[in-house]
N, C-alpha and C. Protein backbone atom coordinates (compact mmCIF):
# COMPACT_ATOMS: atom_id res chain seq x y z
N MET A 1 14.88 10.52 -19.69
CA MET A 1 15.65 9.17 -19.27
C MET A 1 16.37 9.35 -20.73
N ALA A 2 17.43 8.74 -20.81
CA ALA A 2 17.94 8.15 -22.29
C ALA A 2 17.42 6.99 -22.37
N VAL A 3 17.18 6.75 -23.44
CA VAL A 3 16.87 5.26 -23.92
C VAL A 3 18.16 4.18 -24.45
N HIS A 4 17.86 3.11 -23.22
CA HIS A 4 19.06 2.48 -23.15
C HIS A 4 19.11 1.55 -24.67
N THR A 5 20.45 1.36 -25.24
CA THR A 5 20.32 0.70 -26.24
C THR A 5 20.67 -0.47 -26.32
N LEU A 6 19.72 -1.59 -26.75
CA LEU A 6 20.12 -2.62 -26.86
C LEU A 6 20.49 -3.66 -28.15
N ALA A 7 20.48 -4.88 -27.94
CA ALA A 7 21.33 -5.82 -28.97
C ALA A 7 20.82 -5.63 -30.42
N HIS A 8 19.12 -5.82 -30.27
CA HIS A 8 18.40 -5.69 -31.82
C HIS A 8 17.68 -4.34 -31.95
N GLU A 9 18.52 -3.10 -32.11
CA GLU A 9 17.66 -2.09 -32.01
C GLU A 9 16.82 -1.88 -30.99
N TYR A 10 15.73 -2.16 -30.68
CA TYR A 10 15.10 -2.16 -29.68
C TYR A 10 14.34 -2.81 -28.68
N TYR A 11 14.89 -4.14 -28.81
CA TYR A 11 14.68 -5.57 -27.92
C TYR A 11 16.09 -6.29 -27.68
N GLU A 12 15.85 -6.92 -26.81
CA GLU A 12 17.01 -7.81 -26.68
C GLU A 12 16.62 -9.02 -25.32
N TRP A 13 16.99 -10.22 -25.77
CA TRP A 13 16.66 -11.41 -24.56
C TRP A 13 17.70 -11.38 -23.51
N GLY A 14 17.53 -11.50 -22.29
CA GLY A 14 18.10 -11.65 -21.13
C GLY A 14 17.78 -12.99 -20.40
N GLY A 15 18.39 -14.14 -20.93
CA GLY A 15 17.38 -15.81 -20.70
C GLY A 15 16.27 -15.39 -21.32
N ASP A 16 15.23 -16.01 -20.47
CA ASP A 16 13.85 -15.94 -20.91
C ASP A 16 13.24 -14.94 -20.78
N THR A 17 13.91 -13.86 -20.57
CA THR A 17 12.98 -12.29 -20.54
C THR A 17 13.23 -11.43 -21.60
N LEU A 18 12.47 -10.78 -22.24
CA LEU A 18 12.32 -9.85 -23.24
C LEU A 18 12.59 -8.64 -22.52
N ILE A 19 13.32 -7.95 -23.22
CA ILE A 19 13.58 -6.64 -22.73
C ILE A 19 13.23 -5.79 -24.04
N LEU A 20 12.31 -4.71 -23.65
CA LEU A 20 12.08 -4.04 -24.91
C LEU A 20 11.83 -2.55 -24.65
N ASN A 21 12.46 -1.69 -25.63
CA ASN A 21 12.38 -0.33 -25.28
C ASN A 21 10.98 0.05 -26.39
N VAL A 22 10.52 0.96 -25.81
CA VAL A 22 8.66 1.27 -26.14
C VAL A 22 8.66 2.51 -26.50
N LEU A 23 8.26 3.47 -27.42
CA LEU A 23 7.58 4.49 -27.92
C LEU A 23 6.21 4.57 -27.93
N GLY A 24 5.51 4.99 -26.62
CA GLY A 24 4.31 4.73 -26.49
C GLY A 24 3.53 6.01 -26.91
N THR A 25 2.09 5.65 -27.50
CA THR A 25 1.35 6.63 -28.04
C THR A 25 0.24 6.38 -27.07
N PRO A 26 -0.41 7.38 -26.44
CA PRO A 26 -1.45 7.06 -25.69
C PRO A 26 -2.84 7.86 -26.42
N LEU A 27 -3.93 7.76 -26.19
CA LEU A 27 -4.94 8.33 -26.82
C LEU A 27 -5.20 7.91 -28.29
N SER A 28 -4.80 7.04 -28.79
CA SER A 28 -5.25 6.63 -29.85
C SER A 28 -6.48 6.14 -30.34
N LYS A 29 -6.50 5.88 -31.65
CA LYS A 29 -8.03 5.18 -31.88
C LYS A 29 -7.55 3.91 -31.83
N ARG A 30 -6.99 3.26 -31.40
CA ARG A 30 -6.99 1.73 -31.26
C ARG A 30 -5.81 1.26 -30.41
N ASP A 31 -5.87 0.11 -30.02
CA ASP A 31 -4.53 -0.37 -29.24
C ASP A 31 -3.93 -1.01 -30.56
N ALA A 32 -2.62 -0.77 -30.83
CA ALA A 32 -1.70 -1.71 -31.56
C ALA A 32 -0.20 -1.80 -31.40
N ILE A 33 0.31 -2.84 -31.71
CA ILE A 33 1.71 -2.55 -31.63
C ILE A 33 2.49 -2.05 -33.28
N GLY A 34 3.04 -1.33 -33.16
CA GLY A 34 3.43 -0.59 -34.69
C GLY A 34 4.88 -1.13 -34.93
N LYS A 35 5.67 -0.75 -35.88
CA LYS A 35 6.42 -1.03 -36.82
C LYS A 35 7.71 -0.07 -35.46
N PRO A 36 9.10 -0.40 -35.82
CA PRO A 36 9.99 -0.01 -34.64
C PRO A 36 10.56 1.61 -35.19
N LYS A 37 10.53 2.87 -34.52
CA LYS A 37 10.98 3.90 -34.60
C LYS A 37 12.45 3.89 -34.43
N GLY A 38 13.60 4.01 -35.06
CA GLY A 38 14.81 3.78 -33.99
C GLY A 38 15.09 2.81 -33.42
N ASN A 39 15.47 3.08 -32.28
CA ASN A 39 15.69 2.16 -31.12
C ASN A 39 14.31 1.94 -29.81
N GLN A 40 13.29 2.04 -30.79
CA GLN A 40 12.21 2.03 -29.91
C GLN A 40 10.84 0.92 -30.53
N LEU A 41 10.22 0.58 -29.99
CA LEU A 41 9.05 -0.33 -30.94
C LEU A 41 7.97 0.76 -30.37
N LYS A 42 6.92 0.99 -31.73
CA LYS A 42 5.95 2.23 -31.48
C LYS A 42 4.69 1.07 -31.00
N ILE A 43 4.26 1.58 -29.68
CA ILE A 43 3.03 0.88 -29.15
C ILE A 43 2.04 1.96 -28.73
N SER A 44 0.50 1.89 -29.52
CA SER A 44 -0.30 2.79 -29.36
C SER A 44 -1.42 2.49 -28.54
N VAL A 45 -1.91 3.18 -27.56
CA VAL A 45 -2.95 2.48 -26.79
C VAL A 45 -4.02 3.65 -26.89
N LYS A 46 -5.29 3.18 -26.32
CA LYS A 46 -6.25 4.10 -26.23
C LYS A 46 -6.71 5.19 -24.99
N ALA A 47 -6.06 4.93 -24.03
CA ALA A 47 -5.95 5.31 -22.80
C ALA A 47 -5.44 6.38 -22.63
N GLN A 48 -5.96 7.26 -21.66
CA GLN A 48 -5.38 8.88 -21.43
C GLN A 48 -4.40 9.12 -20.31
N PRO A 49 -3.56 9.84 -21.02
CA PRO A 49 -2.02 9.81 -20.33
C PRO A 49 -1.71 10.62 -18.68
N GLU A 50 -2.79 9.65 -18.07
CA GLU A 50 -2.48 10.54 -16.85
C GLU A 50 -2.37 9.81 -15.71
N ASP A 51 -1.10 10.14 -14.88
CA ASP A 51 -0.63 9.48 -13.75
C ASP A 51 -0.38 8.24 -13.82
N GLY A 52 0.22 7.41 -15.21
CA GLY A 52 0.66 6.49 -15.30
C GLY A 52 -0.62 5.60 -16.03
N LYS A 53 -1.58 5.81 -15.85
CA LYS A 53 -2.82 4.82 -16.21
C LYS A 53 -2.67 4.72 -17.71
N ALA A 54 -2.27 5.40 -18.67
CA ALA A 54 -1.89 4.62 -19.92
C ALA A 54 -0.81 3.49 -19.97
N THR A 55 0.13 3.87 -19.59
CA THR A 55 1.33 2.63 -19.03
C THR A 55 0.48 1.28 -18.67
N ASP A 56 -0.23 1.87 -17.41
CA ASP A 56 -0.89 0.60 -16.91
C ASP A 56 -1.83 -0.27 -17.84
N TYR A 57 -2.47 0.40 -18.62
CA TYR A 57 -3.32 0.01 -19.79
C TYR A 57 -2.57 -0.49 -20.61
N MET A 58 -1.34 -0.06 -21.08
CA MET A 58 -0.48 -0.45 -22.09
C MET A 58 -0.04 -2.15 -21.60
N VAL A 59 0.38 -2.31 -20.08
CA VAL A 59 0.67 -3.43 -19.73
C VAL A 59 -0.37 -4.58 -19.68
N ARG A 60 -1.63 -4.23 -19.56
CA ARG A 60 -2.99 -5.11 -19.60
C ARG A 60 -2.84 -5.63 -21.42
N PHE A 61 -2.65 -4.44 -22.21
CA PHE A 61 -3.05 -4.74 -23.62
C PHE A 61 -2.02 -5.81 -23.93
N LEU A 62 -0.29 -5.24 -23.47
CA LEU A 62 0.75 -6.33 -24.08
C LEU A 62 0.95 -8.05 -23.28
N ALA A 63 -0.05 -7.73 -22.25
CA ALA A 63 -0.18 -9.24 -21.40
C ALA A 63 -0.53 -9.81 -22.27
N GLY A 64 -1.89 -9.60 -22.89
CA GLY A 64 -2.32 -10.52 -23.77
C GLY A 64 -1.94 -10.48 -25.30
N GLU A 65 -1.06 -9.60 -26.06
CA GLU A 65 -0.18 -9.95 -27.04
C GLU A 65 0.90 -10.84 -26.96
N PHE A 66 1.36 -10.67 -25.58
CA PHE A 66 2.71 -11.73 -25.14
C PHE A 66 2.19 -13.22 -24.34
N GLY A 67 1.07 -13.16 -24.35
CA GLY A 67 0.51 -14.42 -23.80
C GLY A 67 1.09 -14.47 -22.46
N VAL A 68 1.19 -13.38 -21.47
CA VAL A 68 1.49 -13.58 -19.96
C VAL A 68 0.67 -12.92 -19.23
N SER A 69 0.53 -12.95 -17.65
CA SER A 69 0.01 -12.47 -16.93
C SER A 69 0.67 -10.82 -16.72
N THR A 70 -0.16 -9.88 -16.46
CA THR A 70 0.33 -8.70 -16.02
C THR A 70 1.47 -8.40 -15.23
N LYS A 71 1.57 -9.25 -14.44
CA LYS A 71 2.77 -9.33 -13.16
C LYS A 71 3.66 -9.94 -13.96
N ALA A 72 3.92 -10.26 -15.15
CA ALA A 72 5.09 -10.80 -15.83
C ALA A 72 5.86 -9.62 -16.69
N ILE A 73 5.12 -8.81 -16.62
CA ILE A 73 5.80 -7.48 -17.02
C ILE A 73 6.01 -6.23 -16.04
N GLU A 74 7.23 -6.40 -16.33
CA GLU A 74 7.83 -5.26 -15.24
C GLU A 74 8.12 -3.86 -16.20
N VAL A 75 7.87 -2.73 -15.51
CA VAL A 75 8.25 -1.25 -16.58
C VAL A 75 9.63 -0.97 -15.28
N VAL A 76 10.65 -0.93 -16.46
CA VAL A 76 11.78 -0.75 -15.49
C VAL A 76 11.82 0.66 -15.68
N TYR A 77 11.72 1.73 -16.55
CA TYR A 77 11.15 3.11 -16.63
C TYR A 77 10.24 3.77 -17.47
N GLY A 78 10.04 5.12 -17.29
CA GLY A 78 8.97 5.28 -18.07
C GLY A 78 7.57 5.44 -18.12
N ARG A 79 7.32 5.01 -16.54
CA ARG A 79 5.51 4.79 -16.17
C ARG A 79 5.13 5.81 -16.80
N THR A 80 5.46 7.25 -16.71
CA THR A 80 4.71 8.40 -16.75
C THR A 80 5.23 9.14 -18.09
N SER A 81 6.14 8.66 -18.67
CA SER A 81 6.59 9.03 -20.23
C SER A 81 6.34 7.90 -21.65
N ILE A 82 6.79 8.76 -22.68
CA ILE A 82 6.08 7.90 -23.71
C ILE A 82 7.35 6.84 -23.94
N HIS A 83 8.66 7.46 -23.44
CA HIS A 83 9.94 6.65 -23.85
C HIS A 83 9.54 5.76 -22.35
N LYS A 84 9.90 4.31 -23.00
CA LYS A 84 9.65 3.17 -21.72
C LYS A 84 10.65 1.96 -21.96
N GLN A 85 10.91 1.07 -20.92
CA GLN A 85 11.75 0.16 -21.34
C GLN A 85 10.92 -1.00 -20.26
N LEU A 86 10.49 -2.10 -20.86
CA LEU A 86 9.75 -3.07 -20.28
C LEU A 86 10.57 -4.23 -20.11
N ARG A 87 10.26 -5.11 -19.18
CA ARG A 87 11.08 -6.40 -19.33
C ARG A 87 9.91 -7.48 -19.20
N ILE A 88 9.81 -8.47 -20.30
CA ILE A 88 8.56 -9.08 -20.24
C ILE A 88 8.76 -10.84 -19.99
N HIS A 89 8.54 -11.48 -18.99
CA HIS A 89 9.28 -12.43 -18.42
C HIS A 89 8.51 -13.85 -18.98
N ALA A 90 9.36 -14.40 -19.68
CA ALA A 90 9.03 -15.67 -20.50
C ALA A 90 7.53 -15.46 -21.65
N PRO A 91 7.63 -14.88 -22.28
CA PRO A 91 6.66 -14.48 -23.30
C PRO A 91 6.28 -15.86 -24.05
N GLN A 92 4.78 -15.90 -23.93
CA GLN A 92 4.13 -17.54 -24.58
C GLN A 92 4.31 -17.14 -26.17
N LYS A 93 4.23 -15.97 -26.42
CA LYS A 93 4.42 -15.61 -27.85
C LYS A 93 4.84 -14.34 -28.10
N LEU A 94 5.19 -14.02 -29.41
CA LEU A 94 5.81 -12.99 -30.14
C LEU A 94 5.05 -12.05 -31.16
N PRO A 95 4.85 -10.84 -30.53
CA PRO A 95 3.73 -10.13 -31.91
C PRO A 95 4.64 -10.06 -33.21
N SER A 96 3.94 -9.77 -34.38
CA SER A 96 4.62 -9.90 -35.81
C SER A 96 5.88 -8.84 -35.88
N PRO A 97 6.10 -7.89 -34.98
CA PRO A 97 7.29 -7.02 -35.35
C PRO A 97 8.62 -7.51 -34.95
N LEU A 98 8.27 -8.61 -33.83
CA LEU A 98 9.45 -9.28 -33.01
C LEU A 98 9.62 -10.63 -33.71
N GLN A 99 8.99 -10.98 -34.52
CA GLN A 99 8.91 -12.25 -35.34
C GLN A 99 9.80 -12.35 -36.63
N LYS A 100 9.83 -11.11 -36.83
CA LYS A 100 10.66 -10.48 -38.23
C LYS A 100 12.47 -10.54 -37.71
N HIS A 101 12.49 -10.27 -36.41
CA HIS A 101 13.88 -10.14 -36.17
C HIS A 101 14.50 -11.48 -35.60
N PRO A 102 15.32 -12.02 -35.88
CA PRO A 102 15.97 -12.94 -34.95
C PRO A 102 16.46 -12.67 -33.59
């Protein structure tokens, strides 16, 4: 599936909802939010890429990073792909890659 182009390369705001294009990397040595790569933000997780389990793990990891519950993060598309779009409803904090861009 093609990645939707957003207002700020890899993210945009729709009211209080953050829409984020993600390039996921499963089986990483650590969980981390990396730098943007093209129109996606690189996010690495330690989980296995098996039947969407890495995406579920990523949602749990990002919930902590954004200060929200897992229910506040919607996987728009890419549950079983490295190319994803997420909607994060009312994030309470922003990780550093998002703080650098207004």
